[in-house]
Amino acid sequence: MDLGISPSAVTRAPAPALRLRRPGWRDPRLWVGIALVAGSILLGARLLAGADDTTGVWAARTDLPAGSRITADDLEVEQVRLDAATADGYLSADTPVPEGWSLQRTVGAGELLPRAAVGASTDTVEVPVAVAPEQIPGSVVAGSVVDVYLLDARAEGPALEAVTVLDASLPDEELAVSGARRLVLAVPQADAAGFLRALGAESDPRVTVVRRG
C-alpha cells in the first residue's frame, strides 16, 4: 500500500562517531618509533666523534734551515687527520720535543716534522745498541729520552744518562728471531768511546734501558 511517503523523506540515523585512541605503552608502534629516534641519535653522535678523530703532530712555526738544532720554541702542535701508516712518518706531539736533534734538511713554516728530517746533532754520534725485550719498556720509541745501564758487578750507575732514542725497531731477521730490539741512540761524543769500551769489556753484556718522563 502506497502511503505517499517518498524515499528521500526517510531520515536515516547518523552513524556512530569513531573515537581515536591514543597509542598505549603496549602499542608496538610506539616502541618502534622510540627505537628509531634512539638509533638516529646514536648514529649522529658517532659521526660527530669520527669527524674529530685527529692526531697531534709537531710542525715548524717558521722556516727552519738544515743543520739547525730543534727546540720547543721552533715547533707547535698541529691537529691533522692521518691514517696510522702515514702518521708514523711524522713526529707525534705525544712525545716530548726531541732534545739534541738537528734538522737534516730545511723544513718550511707550517710543515709537519717528518722523522726522516731529524737526526743527531753535530756534537753527538749515533750509537746502535741491541736490547733484550725484557730489559726495555715497550713504550720506548723514537724521540724517547732514556738512561742506559750495563748490568755487571762493577756497575754503580747508568752508563749513559738522558740520551735520545733516534730509532727503535727490528732492523733485520737476526734480531727479529732473538726478539731483541735495536736502538739507535744520540750519544754525546765525549761519552761514546767510554760507553763502547764498557760494552765491549763484557763477553755477554746485559743492557737495560729506563725511559724518562
Protein backbone atom coordinates (compact mmCIF):
# COMPACT_ATOMS: atom_id res chain seq x y z
CA MET A 1 0.00 0.00 0.00
CA ASP A 2 1.37 3.38 -1.01
CA LEU A 3 1.42 5.73 1.99
CA GLY A 4 2.51 8.68 -0.11
CA ILE A 5 5.92 8.93 1.52
CA SER A 6 8.84 9.35 -0.86
CA PRO A 7 12.12 7.50 -0.11
CA SER A 8 14.01 10.80 0.11
CA ALA A 9 11.87 11.82 3.04
CA VAL A 10 13.09 8.96 5.17
CA THR A 11 15.70 10.19 7.67
CA ARG A 12 18.49 7.74 8.35
CA ALA A 13 20.02 7.52 11.79
CA PRO A 14 23.54 9.02 11.89
CA ALA A 15 26.43 6.51 12.02
CA PRO A 16 28.19 6.31 15.39
CA ALA A 17 31.29 8.57 15.60
CA LEU A 18 34.68 6.84 15.57
CA ARG A 19 36.77 7.67 18.61
CA LEU A 20 40.56 7.97 18.08
CA ARG A 21 42.53 6.10 20.69
CA ARG A 22 45.94 7.28 21.77
CA PRO A 23 48.60 4.59 21.46
CA GLY A 24 49.31 2.98 24.79
CA TRP A 25 52.65 1.91 26.19
CA ARG A 26 51.97 -1.60 24.95
CA ASP A 27 51.49 -0.44 21.38
CA PRO A 28 54.45 -1.87 19.35
CA ARG A 29 54.34 1.17 17.04
CA LEU A 30 55.35 3.41 19.94
CA TRP A 31 58.40 1.28 20.76
CA VAL A 32 59.43 1.13 17.11
CA GLY A 33 59.33 4.93 16.98
CA ILE A 34 61.41 5.24 20.14
CA ALA A 35 63.99 2.79 18.74
CA LEU A 36 64.26 4.76 15.50
CA VAL A 37 64.82 8.04 17.36
CA ALA A 38 67.41 6.49 19.68
CA GLY A 39 69.24 4.94 16.72
CA SER A 40 69.36 8.27 14.92
CA ILE A 41 70.82 10.00 17.99
CA LEU A 42 73.48 7.29 18.43
CA LEU A 43 74.45 7.40 14.76
CA GLY A 44 74.75 11.19 14.87
CA ALA A 45 76.97 11.02 17.95
CA ARG A 46 79.29 8.52 16.26
CA LEU A 47 79.55 10.65 13.14
CA LEU A 48 80.43 13.71 15.22
CA ALA A 49 83.06 11.74 17.16
CA GLY A 50 84.60 10.44 13.93
CA ALA A 51 84.76 13.92 12.46
CA ASP A 52 87.08 14.95 15.32
CA ASP A 53 89.38 11.90 15.03
CA THR A 54 92.62 13.82 14.61
CA THR A 55 96.26 13.28 15.60
CA GLY A 56 98.62 15.83 17.16
CA VAL A 57 101.86 16.17 15.17
CA TRP A 58 104.81 18.53 15.63
CA ALA A 59 105.04 21.23 12.94
CA ALA A 60 107.52 24.03 12.29
CA ARG A 61 106.49 27.52 13.49
CA THR A 62 108.81 29.24 10.99
CA ASP A 63 111.21 28.23 8.24
CA LEU A 64 113.93 26.07 9.79
CA PRO A 65 117.17 25.67 7.83
CA ALA A 66 119.05 22.40 7.55
CA GLY A 67 121.52 21.87 10.38
CA SER A 68 119.60 23.95 12.93
CA ARG A 69 119.08 22.43 16.39
CA ILE A 70 115.45 21.80 17.31
CA THR A 71 113.97 23.49 20.38
CA ALA A 72 110.44 23.69 21.78
CA ASP A 73 110.18 27.30 20.57
CA ASP A 74 110.67 26.12 16.97
CA LEU A 75 107.67 23.79 16.97
CA GLU A 76 103.93 23.83 17.51
CA VAL A 77 101.24 21.16 17.64
CA GLU A 78 99.15 20.69 14.51
CA GLN A 79 95.98 18.57 14.67
CA VAL A 80 95.67 16.57 11.46
CA ARG A 81 93.69 13.59 10.21
CA LEU A 82 96.09 10.86 9.06
CA ASP A 83 95.88 7.10 8.76
CA ALA A 84 98.16 5.07 11.03
CA ALA A 85 100.76 4.30 8.36
CA THR A 86 101.11 7.94 7.31
CA ALA A 87 101.11 9.30 10.89
CA ASP A 88 104.04 7.02 11.77
CA GLY A 89 106.20 9.01 9.35
CA TYR A 90 105.90 12.17 11.46
CA LEU A 91 106.92 13.08 14.99
CA SER A 92 103.90 12.70 17.26
CA ALA A 93 103.13 15.52 19.70
CA ASP A 94 102.51 12.83 22.33
CA THR A 95 106.30 12.58 22.76
CA PRO A 96 108.45 15.45 24.05
CA VAL A 97 110.31 17.70 21.64
CA PRO A 98 113.45 15.68 20.83
CA GLU A 99 116.46 17.14 22.61
CA GLY A 100 119.85 17.12 20.95
CA TRP A 101 118.43 16.67 17.46
CA SER A 102 119.08 18.82 14.42
CA LEU A 103 117.45 19.06 11.01
CA GLN A 104 118.91 17.06 8.15
CA ARG A 105 117.04 19.22 5.62
CA THR A 106 115.16 22.50 5.52
CA VAL A 107 111.60 22.39 6.93
CA GLY A 108 109.20 25.13 5.86
CA ALA A 109 106.87 27.08 8.14
CA GLY A 110 103.74 25.08 8.94
CA GLU A 111 105.24 21.86 7.58
CA LEU A 112 104.71 18.71 9.62
CA LEU A 113 108.01 17.44 11.01
CA PRO A 114 108.99 14.15 9.31
CA ARG A 115 111.00 11.62 11.28
CA ALA A 116 113.39 11.36 8.34
CA ALA A 117 114.18 15.09 8.56
CA VAL A 118 115.72 14.94 12.03
CA GLY A 119 118.84 13.28 13.39
CA ALA A 120 121.65 13.55 15.87
CA SER A 121 123.30 16.95 16.28
CA THR A 122 126.86 17.50 15.19
CA ASP A 123 128.13 17.14 18.78
CA THR A 124 126.59 13.69 19.15
CA VAL A 125 127.15 10.38 17.42
CA GLU A 126 124.68 7.63 16.57
CA VAL A 127 125.31 4.50 18.62
CA PRO A 128 123.37 1.27 17.94
CA VAL A 129 122.53 -0.99 20.88
CA ALA A 130 120.71 -4.34 20.93
CA VAL A 131 118.48 -4.74 23.99
CA ALA A 132 116.64 -7.85 25.16
CA PRO A 133 112.85 -7.27 25.13
CA GLU A 134 112.50 -7.80 28.89
CA GLN A 135 115.14 -5.09 29.53
CA ILE A 136 113.35 -2.25 27.73
CA PRO A 137 109.89 -0.68 28.22
CA GLY A 138 107.54 -1.24 25.32
CA SER A 139 106.76 2.50 25.33
CA VAL A 140 110.28 3.42 24.18
CA VAL A 141 110.04 4.88 20.68
CA ALA A 142 111.96 7.33 18.53
CA GLY A 143 112.13 10.57 20.49
CA SER A 144 112.13 8.96 23.94
CA VAL A 145 114.74 10.10 26.45
CA VAL A 146 116.33 7.17 28.27
CA ASP A 147 119.07 6.10 30.69
CA VAL A 148 121.17 3.08 29.71
CA TYR A 149 122.59 0.67 32.29
CA LEU A 150 125.20 -2.07 31.86
CA LEU A 151 124.37 -4.68 34.47
CA ASP A 152 127.58 -6.17 35.82
CA ALA A 153 129.28 -6.41 39.17
CA ARG A 154 131.08 -3.08 38.67
CA ALA A 155 128.03 -1.05 37.64
CA GLU A 156 127.32 1.81 40.04
CA GLY A 157 125.02 3.93 37.88
CA PRO A 158 123.83 4.45 34.32
CA ALA A 159 126.41 4.14 31.58
CA LEU A 160 124.52 6.79 29.61
CA GLU A 161 122.16 9.40 31.05
CA ALA A 162 119.34 11.28 29.31
CA VAL A 163 120.19 10.21 25.76
CA THR A 164 117.65 10.49 22.96
CA VAL A 165 116.43 7.47 21.01
CA LEU A 166 116.76 8.15 17.29
CA ASP A 167 115.30 4.82 16.19
CA ALA A 168 113.69 1.85 17.94
CA SER A 169 112.99 -1.00 15.59
CA LEU A 170 113.76 -4.55 14.50
CA PRO A 171 116.06 -3.90 11.53
CA ASP A 172 116.96 -7.41 10.39
CA GLU A 173 115.99 -11.09 10.62
CA GLU A 174 118.72 -11.97 13.12
CA LEU A 175 117.42 -9.56 15.76
CA ALA A 176 113.82 -10.39 14.92
CA VAL A 177 114.45 -14.09 15.68
CA SER A 178 116.13 -13.30 19.00
CA GLY A 179 113.40 -10.84 19.95
CA ALA A 180 115.93 -8.12 20.72
CA ARG A 181 115.16 -4.50 19.90
CA ARG A 182 117.73 -2.38 18.15
CA LEU A 183 118.04 1.16 19.45
CA VAL A 184 119.99 3.94 17.80
CA LEU A 185 121.00 6.46 20.44
CA ALA A 186 122.20 10.05 20.09
CA VAL A 187 125.22 9.88 22.40
CA PRO A 188 127.49 12.86 23.16
CA GLN A 189 130.87 12.36 21.52
CA ALA A 190 132.59 12.72 24.88
CA ASP A 191 130.63 9.74 26.27
CA ALA A 192 130.51 7.45 23.25
CA ALA A 193 134.01 5.98 23.49
CA GLY A 194 133.74 5.13 27.19
CA PHE A 195 130.35 3.51 26.70
CA LEU A 196 131.58 1.36 23.80
CA ARG A 197 134.63 0.28 25.78
CA ALA A 198 132.45 -0.76 28.73
CA LEU A 199 130.10 -2.58 26.37
CA GLY A 200 132.96 -4.45 24.70
CA ALA A 201 134.57 -5.41 28.01
CA GLU A 202 131.72 -7.81 28.75
CA SER A 203 131.50 -11.15 26.96
CA ASP A 204 127.71 -11.14 27.31
CA PRO A 205 126.70 -7.60 28.23
CA ARG A 206 123.25 -7.06 29.76
CA VAL A 207 121.86 -3.74 28.66
CA THR A 208 118.87 -2.27 30.46
CA VAL A 209 117.03 0.82 29.22
CA VAL A 210 114.97 3.05 31.52
CA ARG A 211 112.66 5.62 29.98
CA ARG A 212 112.49 9.10 31.49
CA GLY A 213 109.27 11.10 31.78
